[in-house]
Amino acid sequence: MTAELFTPEALDFKAECDQIRGLLQDKPAEIFDTETLFKSWTIGDIIKHLHLWNIAADLSLTSKDDFMSFVTVQMKKLGEGAGHIEMQNAYFSGQSNSDVFKAWADYYPAMSERFYAADPDKRVKWVGPDMSVRSSIIARQMEHWAHAQAIFDVLGVERENSDRLKNVAHIGVTTFSWSFRVRGETPPTPKPFVKLTAPSGEIWTWNTPQEDNRIEGLAADFAQVVTQCRNVADTALVMTGPIAKAWMEHAQCFAGGAETPPAPGTRRLAQK
């Protein structure tokens, strides 16, 4: 008898979305025009970005042909010089920020159910290399968590993290080599030992223990650095050894071209 296959990480994705929804629902429509400290994107820009790429990820699961058609159009716009804001504004043309927020909020629950019911090891298409269903939905969780930081920051709300943050930290650890390759550099060896304290107080570790090559601290701080929501200087992470320090100076757990982390002090919680 074949064991039932499912992807529980889809529940973490849904919970991440639920937290954003709880932060913004029932707020005046004007809140979506609020400019954040992330590249001057507004809250509305962020929701459009999250919804558009949720649609793409969902299509990659349900229809390879529809996904390829969708992503070909969007990437063509980017290739012709449109930025993400221009591209997504064109896609959602005629819809207000409130319309898109409602569409995103109505869409993600069913999307999470589809991913939950899928084989976690099934391969799906993406803009870059193919990935597993599990990796795809964790990547969506990571992007929601990272972009939501800008929303929490600008609204002056201290976010409450849960241990689902481990998915984001894991992506950060496993993209160690990518953080160097995306900059045209050869990844150094060995990979640093990573020891993080979860929101619950549990200790999470990755890689071979080393006293002279390690990163220790809060999982939330580490996740903020690898998603480039904070400069490492604005966290309490403790780095030992040149490899660990070099990694945290330009860590990048997301795809695309090389991005420069925010300068110290430029991404922060607004004071009420």
Protein backbone atom coordinates (compact mmCIF):
# COMPACT_ATOMS: atom_id res chain seq x y z
CA MET A 1 0.00 0.00 0.00
CA THR A 2 1.41 3.39 -1.04
CA ALA A 3 1.73 5.94 1.74
CA GLU A 4 -0.29 9.12 1.29
CA LEU A 5 1.85 12.03 0.14
CA PHE A 6 1.21 15.59 1.18
CA THR A 7 3.12 18.83 1.75
CA PRO A 8 2.57 20.20 5.29
CA GLU A 9 4.75 23.26 4.55
CA ALA A 10 1.73 24.60 2.66
CA LEU A 11 0.14 25.22 6.07
CA ASP A 12 3.12 27.38 7.03
CA PHE A 13 2.64 29.38 3.83
CA LYS A 14 -1.03 29.90 4.67
CA ALA A 15 -0.21 30.97 8.22
CA GLU A 16 2.29 33.51 6.87
CA CYS A 17 -0.40 34.94 4.60
CA ASP A 18 -2.94 34.90 7.43
CA GLN A 19 -0.65 37.10 9.53
CA ILE A 20 -0.37 39.70 6.76
CA ARG A 21 -4.11 39.57 6.18
CA GLY A 22 -4.76 40.13 9.88
CA LEU A 23 -2.46 43.15 9.85
CA LEU A 24 -4.16 44.86 6.90
CA GLN A 25 -7.77 43.78 6.80
CA ASP A 26 -10.37 46.33 7.84
CA LYS A 27 -7.84 49.14 7.42
CA PRO A 28 -8.71 52.24 5.33
CA ALA A 29 -7.94 51.89 1.63
CA GLU A 30 -5.36 54.67 1.96
CA ILE A 31 -3.07 52.35 3.90
CA PHE A 32 -2.05 50.67 0.65
CA ASP A 33 -0.55 53.97 -0.53
CA THR A 34 1.86 54.02 2.43
CA GLU A 35 5.46 54.04 1.21
CA THR A 36 7.74 51.52 2.91
CA LEU A 37 11.50 51.49 3.41
CA PHE A 38 11.84 48.68 0.84
CA LYS A 39 12.93 50.48 -2.34
CA SER A 40 10.13 53.02 -1.71
CA TRP A 41 7.53 50.39 -2.62
CA THR A 42 4.08 51.05 -1.19
CA ILE A 43 2.16 48.44 0.76
CA GLY A 44 -0.04 48.10 -2.32
CA ASP A 45 3.01 47.42 -4.49
CA ILE A 46 4.07 44.64 -2.13
CA ILE A 47 0.65 42.96 -2.15
CA LYS A 48 0.55 43.09 -5.96
CA HIS A 49 3.99 41.51 -6.11
CA LEU A 50 3.03 38.72 -3.72
CA HIS A 51 -0.24 37.99 -5.50
CA LEU A 52 1.25 37.96 -9.00
CA TRP A 53 3.93 35.44 -8.07
CA ASN A 54 1.44 33.37 -6.07
CA ILE A 55 -0.51 33.03 -9.31
CA ALA A 56 2.68 31.99 -11.09
CA ALA A 57 3.58 29.38 -8.45
CA ASP A 58 0.04 28.01 -8.45
CA LEU A 59 0.09 27.67 -12.24
CA SER A 60 3.41 25.82 -12.02
CA LEU A 61 1.61 23.22 -9.91
CA THR A 62 -1.61 22.97 -11.87
CA SER A 63 -0.61 23.56 -15.50
CA LYS A 64 2.92 23.66 -16.89
CA ASP A 65 1.69 25.13 -20.20
CA ASP A 66 -0.29 27.90 -18.52
CA PHE A 67 2.67 28.68 -16.28
CA MET A 68 5.03 28.95 -19.25
CA SER A 69 2.61 31.27 -21.06
CA PHE A 70 2.18 33.41 -17.97
CA VAL A 71 5.83 33.73 -17.10
CA THR A 72 6.91 34.30 -20.72
CA VAL A 73 4.71 37.40 -20.90
CA GLN A 74 5.90 38.77 -17.55
CA MET A 75 9.59 38.10 -18.16
CA LYS A 76 9.31 39.68 -21.61
CA LYS A 77 8.13 42.88 -19.96
CA LEU A 78 11.08 42.79 -17.58
CA GLY A 79 13.43 42.06 -20.47
CA GLU A 80 12.11 45.09 -22.31
CA GLY A 81 13.05 47.32 -19.40
CA ALA A 82 9.92 47.40 -17.29
CA GLY A 83 10.51 47.22 -13.56
CA HIS A 84 8.52 45.01 -11.23
CA ILE A 85 6.18 47.87 -10.32
CA GLU A 86 5.40 48.69 -13.94
CA MET A 87 4.99 45.02 -14.82
CA GLN A 88 2.57 44.23 -12.01
CA ASN A 89 0.62 47.47 -12.46
CA ALA A 90 0.06 46.45 -16.08
CA TYR A 91 -1.08 42.97 -15.02
CA PHE A 92 -3.54 44.37 -12.47
CA SER A 93 -4.60 47.28 -14.66
CA GLY A 94 -8.03 48.62 -13.71
CA GLN A 95 -7.93 47.13 -10.21
CA SER A 96 -7.48 49.23 -7.12
CA ASN A 97 -5.04 48.30 -4.38
CA SER A 98 -8.00 47.20 -2.27
CA ASP A 99 -9.23 45.02 -5.15
CA VAL A 100 -5.87 43.29 -5.41
CA PHE A 101 -5.65 42.82 -1.64
CA LYS A 102 -9.04 41.13 -1.65
CA ALA A 103 -8.07 38.99 -4.64
CA TRP A 104 -4.83 37.92 -2.89
CA ALA A 105 -6.70 37.17 0.34
CA ASP A 106 -9.32 35.12 -1.50
CA TYR A 107 -6.71 33.25 -3.55
CA TYR A 108 -4.07 31.99 -1.16
CA PRO A 109 -6.24 29.67 1.01
CA ALA A 110 -7.25 27.48 -1.94
CA MET A 111 -3.72 27.66 -3.31
CA SER A 112 -2.37 26.37 -0.01
CA GLU A 113 -4.85 23.49 -0.13
CA ARG A 114 -3.65 22.52 -3.60
CA PHE A 115 -0.02 22.53 -2.48
CA TYR A 116 -0.87 20.65 0.71
CA ALA A 117 -2.50 17.86 -1.34
CA ALA A 118 0.45 17.60 -3.76
CA ASP A 119 3.39 15.21 -3.73
CA PRO A 120 6.17 17.21 -2.00
CA ASP A 121 8.82 15.76 -4.32
CA LYS A 122 6.98 16.48 -7.58
CA ARG A 123 9.05 18.76 -9.82
CA VAL A 124 7.51 22.03 -10.96
CA LYS A 125 8.71 24.72 -13.34
CA TRP A 126 9.94 28.11 -12.20
CA VAL A 127 11.62 31.18 -13.65
CA GLY A 128 14.98 29.64 -12.79
CA PRO A 129 15.68 25.92 -12.36
CA ASP A 130 12.82 23.50 -11.70
CA MET A 131 12.14 22.82 -8.04
CA SER A 132 10.14 20.47 -5.84
CA VAL A 133 6.62 21.28 -4.70
CA ARG A 134 7.96 21.55 -1.14
CA SER A 135 10.65 24.02 -2.18
CA SER A 136 8.17 26.03 -4.22
CA ILE A 137 5.71 26.63 -1.39
CA ILE A 138 8.50 27.30 1.13
CA ALA A 139 9.85 29.91 -1.29
CA ARG A 140 6.42 31.54 -1.34
CA GLN A 141 6.38 31.54 2.46
CA MET A 142 9.85 33.09 2.51
CA GLU A 143 8.87 35.87 0.11
CA HIS A 144 5.74 36.68 2.10
CA TRP A 145 7.70 36.73 5.36
CA ALA A 146 10.41 38.96 3.88
CA HIS A 147 8.14 41.48 2.17
CA ALA A 148 5.83 41.60 5.17
CA GLN A 149 8.73 42.89 7.26
CA ALA A 150 8.55 46.18 5.35
CA ILE A 151 4.83 46.41 6.14
CA PHE A 152 5.28 45.68 9.84
CA ASP A 153 8.14 48.20 9.94
CA VAL A 154 6.31 51.11 8.33
CA LEU A 155 3.21 50.55 10.48
CA GLY A 156 5.33 50.42 13.62
CA VAL A 157 4.08 46.95 14.55
CA GLU A 158 6.47 44.52 16.22
CA ARG A 159 5.87 41.22 14.44
CA GLU A 160 5.35 38.02 16.39
CA ASN A 161 7.23 35.13 14.81
CA SER A 162 6.48 31.44 15.23
CA ASP A 163 8.62 28.38 14.65
CA ARG A 164 7.41 28.17 11.05
CA LEU A 165 10.29 30.62 10.63
CA LYS A 166 12.53 27.55 10.45
CA ASN A 167 11.59 27.17 6.78
CA VAL A 168 12.95 30.64 6.05
CA ALA A 169 16.11 30.05 8.07
CA HIS A 170 16.65 26.75 6.25
CA ILE A 171 16.50 28.48 2.87
CA GLY A 172 19.01 30.97 4.19
CA VAL A 173 21.41 28.22 5.23
CA THR A 174 21.07 26.18 2.04
CA THR A 175 21.71 29.20 -0.20
CA PHE A 176 25.15 29.82 1.30
CA SER A 177 26.92 28.96 -1.97
CA TRP A 178 24.39 30.91 -4.05
CA SER A 179 25.11 34.05 -2.01
CA PHE A 180 28.65 33.98 -3.40
CA ARG A 181 27.98 32.61 -6.91
CA VAL A 182 25.37 35.28 -7.65
CA ARG A 183 28.17 37.81 -7.14
CA GLY A 184 30.58 35.94 -9.40
CA GLU A 185 32.60 34.61 -6.46
CA THR A 186 33.71 31.07 -5.66
CA PRO A 187 31.98 29.89 -2.45
CA PRO A 188 34.55 29.45 0.33
CA THR A 189 34.84 26.30 2.39
CA PRO A 190 33.89 24.99 4.84
CA LYS A 191 30.34 26.21 5.31
CA PRO A 192 29.92 27.86 8.70
CA PHE A 193 28.14 26.15 11.57
CA VAL A 194 24.81 27.88 12.19
CA LYS A 195 23.18 27.81 15.62
CA LEU A 196 19.94 29.73 16.00
CA THR A 197 17.41 30.24 18.77
CA ALA A 198 13.85 29.74 17.55
CA PRO A 199 10.95 31.98 18.61
CA SER A 200 9.90 29.14 20.95
CA GLY A 201 13.38 28.96 22.49
CA GLU A 202 14.26 25.72 20.71
CA ILE A 203 17.80 25.53 19.30
CA TRP A 204 18.22 24.87 15.58
CA THR A 205 21.57 23.90 14.06
CA TRP A 206 22.96 23.34 10.59
CA ASN A 207 26.34 22.18 9.20
CA THR A 208 29.33 20.71 11.01
CA PRO A 209 30.05 22.24 14.45
CA GLN A 210 33.11 24.50 14.35
CA GLU A 211 34.35 26.87 17.04
CA ASP A 212 36.23 29.15 14.60
CA ASN A 213 33.64 29.32 11.80
CA ARG A 214 30.09 29.86 13.05
CA ILE A 215 27.03 32.08 13.31
CA GLU A 216 24.90 32.25 16.45
CA GLY A 217 21.87 34.26 17.43
CA LEU A 218 18.15 34.62 17.02
CA ALA A 219 16.50 32.87 14.09
CA ALA A 220 14.57 36.08 13.35
CA ASP A 221 17.80 38.07 13.04
CA PHE A 222 19.32 35.46 10.72
CA ALA A 223 16.17 35.36 8.58
CA GLN A 224 16.16 39.15 8.30
CA VAL A 225 19.75 39.14 7.08
CA VAL A 226 19.46 36.36 4.49
CA THR A 227 16.29 37.95 3.07
CA GLN A 228 18.00 41.38 3.12
CA CYS A 229 15.39 42.93 5.42
CA ARG A 230 18.16 44.14 7.72
CA ASN A 231 21.85 44.84 7.54
CA VAL A 232 23.70 42.37 9.76
CA ALA A 233 25.07 45.34 11.74
CA ASP A 234 21.51 46.04 12.90
CA THR A 235 21.14 42.56 14.44
CA ALA A 236 22.64 40.77 17.41
CA LEU A 237 24.07 37.90 15.35
CA VAL A 238 27.52 36.76 16.49
CA MET A 239 29.82 35.75 13.65
CA THR A 240 33.11 33.98 14.19
CA GLY A 241 35.63 33.65 11.37
CA PRO A 242 36.10 35.39 7.99
CA ILE A 243 33.79 33.05 6.03
CA ALA A 244 30.86 33.60 8.37
CA LYS A 245 31.41 37.36 8.31
CA ALA A 246 31.73 37.53 4.53
CA TRP A 247 28.55 35.50 4.08
CA MET A 248 26.45 37.68 6.37
CA GLU A 249 27.73 40.84 4.69
CA HIS A 250 25.97 39.92 1.42
CA ALA A 251 23.75 36.92 2.13
CA GLN A 252 20.98 36.48 -0.45
CA CYS A 253 18.52 33.61 -0.23
CA PHE A 254 16.33 34.69 -3.16
CA ALA A 255 16.78 34.27 -6.90
CA GLY A 256 17.55 36.95 -9.47
CA GLY A 257 20.64 39.09 -9.87
CA ALA A 258 22.95 40.10 -7.06
CA GLU A 259 21.32 42.55 -4.66
CA THR A 260 23.07 44.81 -2.19
CA PRO A 261 21.81 44.48 1.41
CA PRO A 262 20.33 47.60 2.98
CA ALA A 263 22.81 49.97 4.56
CA PRO A 264 23.02 49.93 8.36
CA GLY A 265 20.07 51.69 9.96
CA THR A 266 18.02 52.07 6.78
CA ARG A 267 15.52 49.25 7.40
CA ARG A 268 13.93 49.63 10.81
CA LEU A 269 10.74 49.60 12.83
CA ALA A 270 8.95 52.96 12.72
CA GLN A 271 8.42 54.59 16.09
CA LYS A 272 4.79 55.31 16.92
